[in-house]
Amino acid sequence: VVMQNHYYSPETLEVPTGTTVTWTNRNGTNHSVTSEDDLFNATVSPDDSYNYTFDEAGTFDYYCTFHPDMTGTIEVNSPEE
């Protein structure tokens, strides 16, 4: 997920369980990746990245603490057997 121009792109990402998602800051200011349920919270400096592995299925909404209108969603699905 790219953080650029005060947006997460893509805003919604669908992944299977066990996937590591990487957020990369392409702005000149700090952003954060802060989940609504306190599962993850990281400040990401310009040109830096943050990784989180989603081990459980669910919908995970997150936002930037510096720019609260900057929001995103990770939809994690269990692989079909």
PDB file of N, CA and C in Angstrom:
ATOM      1  N   VAL A   1       0.867  -1.167   0.000  1.00  0.00           N
ATOM      2  CA  VAL A   1       0.000   0.000   0.000  1.00  0.00           C
ATOM      3  C   VAL A   1       0.911   1.228   0.000  1.00  0.00           C
ATOM      4  N   VAL A   2       0.650   2.153  -0.904  1.00  0.00           N
ATOM      5  CA  VAL A   2       1.458   3.368  -0.997  1.00  0.00           C
ATOM      6  C   VAL A   2       0.732   4.509  -0.290  1.00  0.00           C
ATOM      7  N   MET A   3       1.476   5.253   0.516  1.00  0.00           N
ATOM      8  CA  MET A   3       0.955   6.454   1.162  1.00  0.00           C
ATOM      9  C   MET A   3       1.485   7.637   0.373  1.00  0.00           C
ATOM     10  N   GLN A   4       0.575   8.323  -0.333  1.00  0.00           N
ATOM     11  CA  GLN A   4       1.004   9.432  -1.183  1.00  0.00           C
ATOM     12  C   GLN A   4      -0.149  10.413  -1.334  1.00  0.00           C
ATOM     13  N   ASN A   5       0.167  11.707  -1.286  1.00  0.00           N
ATOM     14  CA  ASN A   5      -0.837  12.763  -1.437  1.00  0.00           C
ATOM     15  C   ASN A   5      -1.983  12.617  -0.425  1.00  0.00           C
ATOM     16  N   HIS A   6      -1.637  12.171   0.773  1.00  0.00           N
ATOM     17  CA  HIS A   6      -2.595  12.020   1.870  1.00  0.00           C
ATOM     18  C   HIS A   6      -3.688  11.006   1.569  1.00  0.00           C
ATOM     19  N   TYR A   7      -3.321   9.948   0.841  1.00  0.00           N
ATOM     20  CA  TYR A   7      -4.207   8.816   0.563  1.00  0.00           C
ATOM     21  C   TYR A   7      -3.417   7.529   0.712  1.00  0.00           C
ATOM     22  N   TYR A   8      -4.128   6.439   1.044  1.00  0.00           N
ATOM     23  CA  TYR A   8      -3.573   5.097   0.943  1.00  0.00           C
ATOM     24  C   TYR A   8      -4.014   4.555  -0.418  1.00  0.00           C
ATOM     25  N   SER A   9      -3.104   3.974  -1.154  1.00  0.00           N
ATOM     26  CA  SER A   9      -3.465   3.430  -2.463  1.00  0.00           C
ATOM     27  C   SER A   9      -2.911   2.015  -2.592  1.00  0.00           C
ATOM     28  N   PRO A  10      -3.798   1.002  -2.734  1.00  0.00           N
ATOM     29  CA  PRO A  10      -5.244   1.145  -2.826  1.00  0.00           C
ATOM     30  C   PRO A  10      -5.859   1.430  -1.458  1.00  0.00           C
ATOM     31  N   GLU A  11      -7.032   2.038  -1.473  1.00  0.00           N
ATOM     32  CA  GLU A  11      -7.719   2.358  -0.223  1.00  0.00           C
ATOM     33  C   GLU A  11      -8.240   1.088   0.447  1.00  0.00           C
ATOM     34  N   THR A  12      -8.664   0.121  -0.358  1.00  0.00           N
ATOM     35  CA  THR A  12      -9.108  -1.180   0.145  1.00  0.00           C
ATOM     36  C   THR A  12      -8.280  -2.258  -0.521  1.00  0.00           C
ATOM     37  N   LEU A  13      -7.766  -3.189   0.289  1.00  0.00           N
ATOM     38  CA  LEU A  13      -6.939  -4.274  -0.210  1.00  0.00           C
ATOM     39  C   LEU A  13      -7.487  -5.583   0.333  1.00  0.00           C
ATOM     40  N   GLU A  14      -7.684  -6.562  -0.544  1.00  0.00           N
ATOM     41  CA  GLU A  14      -8.166  -7.879  -0.145  1.00  0.00           C
ATOM     42  C   GLU A  14      -7.024  -8.874  -0.266  1.00  0.00           C
ATOM     43  N   VAL A  15      -6.762  -9.608   0.843  1.00  0.00           N
ATOM     44  CA  VAL A  15      -5.644 -10.556   0.881  1.00  0.00           C
ATOM     45  C   VAL A  15      -6.082 -11.825   1.609  1.00  0.00           C
ATOM     46  N   PRO A  16      -5.403 -12.959   1.359  1.00  0.00           N
ATOM     47  CA  PRO A  16      -5.667 -14.164   2.139  1.00  0.00           C
ATOM     48  C   PRO A  16      -4.944 -14.107   3.484  1.00  0.00           C
ATOM     49  N   THR A  17      -5.405 -14.905   4.450  1.00  0.00           N
ATOM     50  CA  THR A  17      -4.721 -14.966   5.747  1.00  0.00           C
ATOM     51  C   THR A  17      -3.266 -15.367   5.534  1.00  0.00           C
ATOM     52  N   GLY A  18      -2.407 -14.867   6.400  1.00  0.00           N
ATOM     53  CA  GLY A  18      -0.979 -15.157   6.317  1.00  0.00           C
ATOM     54  C   GLY A  18      -0.204 -14.184   5.449  1.00  0.00           C
ATOM     55  N   THR A  19      -0.901 -13.214   4.847  1.00  0.00           N
ATOM     56  CA  THR A  19      -0.246 -12.246   3.970  1.00  0.00           C
ATOM     57  C   THR A  19       0.394 -11.128   4.782  1.00  0.00           C
ATOM     58  N   THR A  20       1.600 -10.747   4.407  1.00  0.00           N
ATOM     59  CA  THR A  20       2.253  -9.579   4.986  1.00  0.00           C
ATOM     60  C   THR A  20       1.984  -8.398   4.060  1.00  0.00           C
ATOM     61  N   VAL A  21       1.371  -7.364   4.616  1.00  0.00           N
ATOM     62  CA  VAL A  21       1.090  -6.142   3.865  1.00  0.00           C
ATOM     63  C   VAL A  21       2.173  -5.127   4.207  1.00  0.00           C
ATOM     64  N   THR A  22       2.677  -4.445   3.195  1.00  0.00           N
ATOM     65  CA  THR A  22       3.688  -3.414   3.370  1.00  0.00           C
ATOM     66  C   THR A  22       3.103  -2.066   2.980  1.00  0.00           C
ATOM     67  N   TRP A  23       3.194  -1.102   3.879  1.00  0.00           N
ATOM     68  CA  TRP A  23       2.815   0.284   3.595  1.00  0.00           C
ATOM     69  C   TRP A  23       4.106   1.057   3.377  1.00  0.00           C
ATOM     70  N   THR A  24       4.179   1.829   2.299  1.00  0.00           N
ATOM     71  CA  THR A  24       5.371   2.616   1.971  1.00  0.00           C
ATOM     72  C   THR A  24       4.980   4.079   1.845  1.00  0.00           C
ATOM     73  N   ASN A  25       5.691   4.933   2.572  1.00  0.00           N
ATOM     74  CA  ASN A  25       5.411   6.368   2.582  1.00  0.00           C
ATOM     75  C   ASN A  25       6.173   7.055   1.453  1.00  0.00           C
ATOM     76  N   ARG A  26       5.443   7.593   0.487  1.00  0.00           N
ATOM     77  CA  ARG A  26       6.038   8.307  -0.650  1.00  0.00           C
ATOM     78  C   ARG A  26       5.795   9.816  -0.552  1.00  0.00           C
ATOM     79  N   ASN A  27       5.471  10.295   0.656  1.00  0.00           N
ATOM     80  CA  ASN A  27       5.294  11.725   0.896  1.00  0.00           C
ATOM     81  C   ASN A  27       6.497  12.276   1.631  1.00  0.00           C
ATOM     82  N   GLY A  28       6.559  13.579   1.740  1.00  0.00           N
ATOM     83  CA  GLY A  28       7.640  14.238   2.456  1.00  0.00           C
ATOM     84  C   GLY A  28       7.325  14.465   3.925  1.00  0.00           C
ATOM     85  N   THR A  29       6.195  13.921   4.412  1.00  0.00           N
ATOM     86  CA  THR A  29       5.808  14.065   5.813  1.00  0.00           C
ATOM     87  C   THR A  29       5.522  12.687   6.411  1.00  0.00           C
ATOM     88  N   ASN A  30       5.545  12.624   7.736  1.00  0.00           N
ATOM     89  CA  ASN A  30       5.210  11.376   8.418  1.00  0.00           C
ATOM     90  C   ASN A  30       3.743  11.031   8.227  1.00  0.00           C
ATOM     91  N   HIS A  31       3.461   9.749   8.155  1.00  0.00           N
ATOM     92  CA  HIS A  31       2.108   9.207   8.181  1.00  0.00           C
ATOM     93  C   HIS A  31       2.104   8.082   9.198  1.00  0.00           C
ATOM     94  N   SER A  32       0.917   7.641   9.573  1.00  0.00           N
ATOM     95  CA  SER A  32       0.839   6.469  10.438  1.00  0.00           C
ATOM     96  C   SER A  32      -0.089   5.439   9.816  1.00  0.00           C
ATOM     97  N   VAL A  33       0.053   4.222  10.305  1.00  0.00           N
ATOM     98  CA  VAL A  33      -0.835   3.119   9.968  1.00  0.00           C
ATOM     99  C   VAL A  33      -1.373   2.657  11.318  1.00  0.00           C
ATOM    100  N   THR A  34      -2.592   3.088  11.650  1.00  0.00           N
ATOM    101  CA  THR A  34      -3.179   2.859  12.968  1.00  0.00           C
ATOM    102  C   THR A  34      -4.516   2.165  12.804  1.00  0.00           C
ATOM    103  N   SER A  35      -4.612   0.930  13.302  1.00  0.00           N
ATOM    104  CA  SER A  35      -5.863   0.186  13.156  1.00  0.00           C
ATOM    105  C   SER A  35      -6.900   0.690  14.149  1.00  0.00           C
ATOM    106  N   GLU A  36      -8.154   0.601  13.729  1.00  0.00           N
ATOM    107  CA  GLU A  36      -9.272   1.029  14.581  1.00  0.00           C
ATOM    108  C   GLU A  36      -9.357   0.191  15.857  1.00  0.00           C
ATOM    109  N   ASP A  37      -8.889  -1.065  15.794  1.00  0.00           N
ATOM    110  CA  ASP A  37      -9.000  -1.978  16.941  1.00  0.00           C
ATOM    111  C   ASP A  37      -7.685  -2.140  17.701  1.00  0.00           C
ATOM    112  N   ASP A  38      -6.734  -1.230  17.496  1.00  0.00           N
ATOM    113  CA  ASP A  38      -5.431  -1.238  18.178  1.00  0.00           C
ATOM    114  C   ASP A  38      -4.586  -2.470  17.882  1.00  0.00           C
ATOM    115  N   LEU A  39      -4.847  -3.140  16.761  1.00  0.00           N
ATOM    116  CA  LEU A  39      -4.064  -4.310  16.389  1.00  0.00           C
ATOM    117  C   LEU A  39      -2.662  -3.911  15.947  1.00  0.00           C
ATOM    118  N   PHE A  40      -2.549  -2.791  15.239  1.00  0.00           N
ATOM    119  CA  PHE A  40      -1.250  -2.295  14.808  1.00  0.00           C
ATOM    120  C   PHE A  40      -1.267  -0.777  14.834  1.00  0.00           C
ATOM    121  N   ASN A  41      -0.086  -0.204  15.059  1.00  0.00           N
ATOM    122  CA  ASN A  41       0.067   1.246  15.124  1.00  0.00           C
ATOM    123  C   ASN A  41       1.532   1.576  14.884  1.00  0.00           C
ATOM    124  N   ALA A  42       1.799   2.245  13.767  1.00  0.00           N
ATOM    125  CA  ALA A  42       3.185   2.577  13.445  1.00  0.00           C
ATOM    126  C   ALA A  42       3.248   3.925  12.750  1.00  0.00           C
ATOM    127  N   THR A  43       4.252   4.705  13.088  1.00  0.00           N
ATOM    128  CA  THR A  43       4.549   5.930  12.358  1.00  0.00           C
ATOM    129  C   THR A  43       5.549   5.574  11.268  1.00  0.00           C
ATOM    130  N   VAL A  44       5.260   6.038  10.042  1.00  0.00           N
ATOM    131  CA  VAL A  44       6.112   5.719   8.899  1.00  0.00           C
ATOM    132  C   VAL A  44       6.700   7.028   8.362  1.00  0.00           C
ATOM    133  N   SER A  45       8.008   7.149   8.451  1.00  0.00           N
ATOM    134  CA  SER A  45       8.720   8.336   7.977  1.00  0.00           C
ATOM    135  C   SER A  45       8.760   8.356   6.450  1.00  0.00           C
ATOM    136  N   PRO A  46       9.030   9.517   5.859  1.00  0.00           N
ATOM    137  CA  PRO A  46       9.158   9.587   4.404  1.00  0.00           C
ATOM    138  C   PRO A  46      10.168   8.563   3.872  1.00  0.00           C
ATOM    139  N   ASP A  47       9.795   7.906   2.772  1.00  0.00           N
ATOM    140  CA  ASP A  47      10.623   6.890   2.114  1.00  0.00           C
ATOM    141  C   ASP A  47      10.909   5.675   2.986  1.00  0.00           C
ATOM    142  N   ASP A  48      10.102   5.450   4.010  1.00  0.00           N
ATOM    143  CA  ASP A  48      10.245   4.274   4.861  1.00  0.00           C
ATOM    144  C   ASP A  48       9.015   3.391   4.682  1.00  0.00           C
ATOM    145  N   SER A  49       9.050   2.188   5.255  1.00  0.00           N
ATOM    146  CA  SER A  49       7.947   1.239   5.123  1.00  0.00           C
ATOM    147  C   SER A  49       7.624   0.601   6.465  1.00  0.00           C
ATOM    148  N   TYR A  50       6.423   0.033   6.539  1.00  0.00           N
ATOM    149  CA  TYR A  50       5.964  -0.719   7.701  1.00  0.00           C
ATOM    150  C   TYR A  50       5.292  -1.986   7.193  1.00  0.00           C
ATOM    151  N   ASN A  51       5.582  -3.118   7.833  1.00  0.00           N
ATOM    152  CA  ASN A  51       4.998  -4.407   7.462  1.00  0.00           C
ATOM    153  C   ASN A  51       4.147  -4.955   8.597  1.00  0.00           C
ATOM    154  N   TYR A  52       3.041  -5.609   8.225  1.00  0.00           N
ATOM    155  CA  TYR A  52       2.215  -6.311   9.210  1.00  0.00           C
ATOM    156  C   TYR A  52       1.655  -7.566   8.557  1.00  0.00           C
ATOM    157  N   THR A  53       1.731  -8.696   9.272  1.00  0.00           N
ATOM    158  CA  THR A  53       1.210  -9.964   8.771  1.00  0.00           C
ATOM    159  C   THR A  53      -0.167 -10.227   9.375  1.00  0.00           C
ATOM    160  N   PHE A  54      -1.137 -10.460   8.505  1.00  0.00           N
ATOM    161  CA  PHE A  54      -2.517 -10.704   8.915  1.00  0.00           C
ATOM    162  C   PHE A  54      -2.754 -12.208   9.019  1.00  0.00           C
ATOM    163  N   ASP A  55      -2.796 -12.711  10.252  1.00  0.00           N
ATOM    164  CA  ASP A  55      -2.948 -14.145  10.495  1.00  0.00           C
ATOM    165  C   ASP A  55      -4.394 -14.574  10.693  1.00  0.00           C
ATOM    166  N   GLU A  56      -5.301 -13.620  10.867  1.00  0.00           N
ATOM    167  CA  GLU A  56      -6.709 -13.946  11.087  1.00  0.00           C
ATOM    168  C   GLU A  56      -7.575 -13.250  10.056  1.00  0.00           C
ATOM    169  N   ALA A  57      -8.661 -13.935   9.670  1.00  0.00           N
ATOM    170  CA  ALA A  57      -9.607 -13.352   8.721  1.00  0.00           C
ATOM    171  C   ALA A  57     -10.382 -12.223   9.393  1.00  0.00           C
ATOM    172  N   GLY A  58     -10.814 -11.258   8.603  1.00  0.00           N
ATOM    173  CA  GLY A  58     -11.615 -10.153   9.114  1.00  0.00           C
ATOM    174  C   GLY A  58     -11.415  -8.907   8.277  1.00  0.00           C
ATOM    175  N   THR A  59     -12.121  -7.873   8.669  1.00  0.00           N
ATOM    176  CA  THR A  59     -11.993  -6.567   8.017  1.00  0.00           C
ATOM    177  C   THR A  59     -11.306  -5.634   8.990  1.00  0.00           C
ATOM    178  N   PHE A  60     -10.217  -5.036   8.568  1.00  0.00           N
ATOM    179  CA  PHE A  60      -9.385  -4.211   9.429  1.00  0.00           C
ATOM    180  C   PHE A  60      -9.314  -2.797   8.854  1.00  0.00           C
ATOM    181  N   ASP A  61     -10.012  -1.875   9.516  1.00  0.00           N
ATOM    182  CA  ASP A  61     -10.003  -0.470   9.115  1.00  0.00           C
ATOM    183  C   ASP A  61      -8.840   0.226   9.803  1.00  0.00           C
ATOM    184  N   TYR A  62      -8.213   1.150   9.103  1.00  0.00           N
ATOM    185  CA  TYR A  62      -7.087   1.881   9.681  1.00  0.00           C
ATOM    186  C   TYR A  62      -7.089   3.320   9.178  1.00  0.00           C
ATOM    187  N   TYR A  63      -6.276   4.150   9.815  1.00  0.00           N
ATOM    188  CA  TYR A  63      -6.221   5.573   9.483  1.00  0.00           C
ATOM    189  C   TYR A  63      -4.853   6.125   9.834  1.00  0.00           C
ATOM    190  N   CYS A  64      -4.617   7.365   9.435  1.00  0.00           N
ATOM    191  CA  CYS A  64      -3.388   8.082   9.772  1.00  0.00           C
ATOM    192  C   CYS A  64      -3.684   9.018  10.938  1.00  0.00           C
ATOM    193  N   THR A  65      -2.949   8.897  12.034  1.00  0.00           N
ATOM    194  CA  THR A  65      -3.184   9.759  13.195  1.00  0.00           C
ATOM    195  C   THR A  65      -2.842  11.217  12.895  1.00  0.00           C
ATOM    196  N   PHE A  66      -1.949  11.444  11.930  1.00  0.00           N
ATOM    197  CA  PHE A  66      -1.572  12.807  11.557  1.00  0.00           C
ATOM    198  C   PHE A  66      -2.593  13.442  10.625  1.00  0.00           C
ATOM    199  N   HIS A  67      -3.282  12.618   9.854  1.00  0.00           N
ATOM    200  CA  HIS A  67      -4.264  13.078   8.848  1.00  0.00           C
ATOM    201  C   HIS A  67      -5.493  12.174   8.953  1.00  0.00           C
ATOM    202  N   PRO A  68      -6.393  12.426   9.921  1.00  0.00           N
ATOM    203  CA  PRO A  68      -7.503  11.516  10.217  1.00  0.00           C
ATOM    204  C   PRO A  68      -8.444  11.231   9.050  1.00  0.00           C
ATOM    205  N   ASP A  69      -8.465  12.085   8.024  1.00  0.00           N
ATOM    206  CA  ASP A  69      -9.300  11.806   6.854  1.00  0.00           C
ATOM    207  C   ASP A  69      -8.657  10.768   5.931  1.00  0.00           C
ATOM    208  N   MET A  70      -7.431  10.407   6.210  1.00  0.00           N
ATOM    209  CA  MET A  70      -6.701   9.410   5.417  1.00  0.00           C
ATOM    210  C   MET A  70      -7.019   8.042   6.009  1.00  0.00           C
ATOM    211  N   THR A  71      -7.829   7.244   5.297  1.00  0.00           N
ATOM    212  CA  THR A  71      -8.305   5.971   5.826  1.00  0.00           C
ATOM    213  C   THR A  71      -8.112   4.851   4.811  1.00  0.00           C
ATOM    214  N   GLY A  72      -8.097   3.627   5.315  1.00  0.00           N
ATOM    215  CA  GLY A  72      -7.972   2.452   4.455  1.00  0.00           C
ATOM    216  C   GLY A  72      -8.569   1.234   5.127  1.00  0.00           C
ATOM    217  N   THR A  73      -8.698   0.164   4.347  1.00  0.00           N
ATOM    218  CA  THR A  73      -9.261  -1.091   4.840  1.00  0.00           C
ATOM    219  C   THR A  73      -8.487  -2.266   4.261  1.00  0.00           C
ATOM    220  N   ILE A  74      -8.169  -3.233   5.128  1.00  0.00           N
ATOM    221  CA  ILE A  74      -7.607  -4.502   4.681  1.00  0.00           C
ATOM    222  C   ILE A  74      -8.674  -5.558   4.942  1.00  0.00           C
ATOM    223  N   GLU A  75      -9.088  -6.263   3.889  1.00  0.00           N
ATOM    224  CA  GLU A  75     -10.041  -7.362   4.007  1.00  0.00           C
ATOM    225  C   GLU A  75      -9.264  -8.676   3.896  1.00  0.00           C
ATOM    226  N   VAL A  76      -9.256  -9.443   4.991  1.00  0.00           N
ATOM    227  CA  VAL A  76      -8.477 -10.668   5.059  1.00  0.00           C
ATOM    228  C   VAL A  76      -9.428 -11.852   5.016  1.00  0.00           C
ATOM    229  N   ASN A  77      -9.221 -12.719   4.041  1.00  0.00           N
ATOM    230  CA  ASN A  77     -10.089 -13.881   3.850  1.00  0.00           C
ATOM    231  C   ASN A  77      -9.310 -15.168   4.081  1.00  0.00           C
ATOM    232  N   SER A  78      -9.989 -16.170   4.653  1.00  0.00           N
ATOM    233  CA  SER A  78      -9.384 -17.487   4.804  1.00  0.00           C
ATOM    234  C   SER A  78      -9.298 -18.151   3.433  1.00  0.00           C
ATOM    235  N   PRO A  79      -8.191 -18.787   3.129  1.00  0.00           N
ATOM    236  CA  PRO A  79      -8.101 -19.479   1.832  1.00  0.00           C
ATOM    237  C   PRO A  79      -9.140 -20.595   1.758  1.00  0.00           C
ATOM    238  N   GLU A  80      -9.698 -20.756   0.579  1.00  0.00           N
ATOM    239  CA  GLU A  80     -10.682 -21.816   0.393  1.00  0.00           C
ATOM    240  C   GLU A  80      -9.963 -23.165   0.363  1.00  0.00           C
ATOM    241  N   GLU A  81     -10.606 -24.143   0.954  1.00  0.00           N
ATOM    242  CA  GLU A  81      -9.982 -25.468   1.017  1.00  0.00           C
ATOM    243  C   GLU A  81     -10.495 -26.341  -0.094  1.00  0.00           C
TER     244      GLU A  81
END
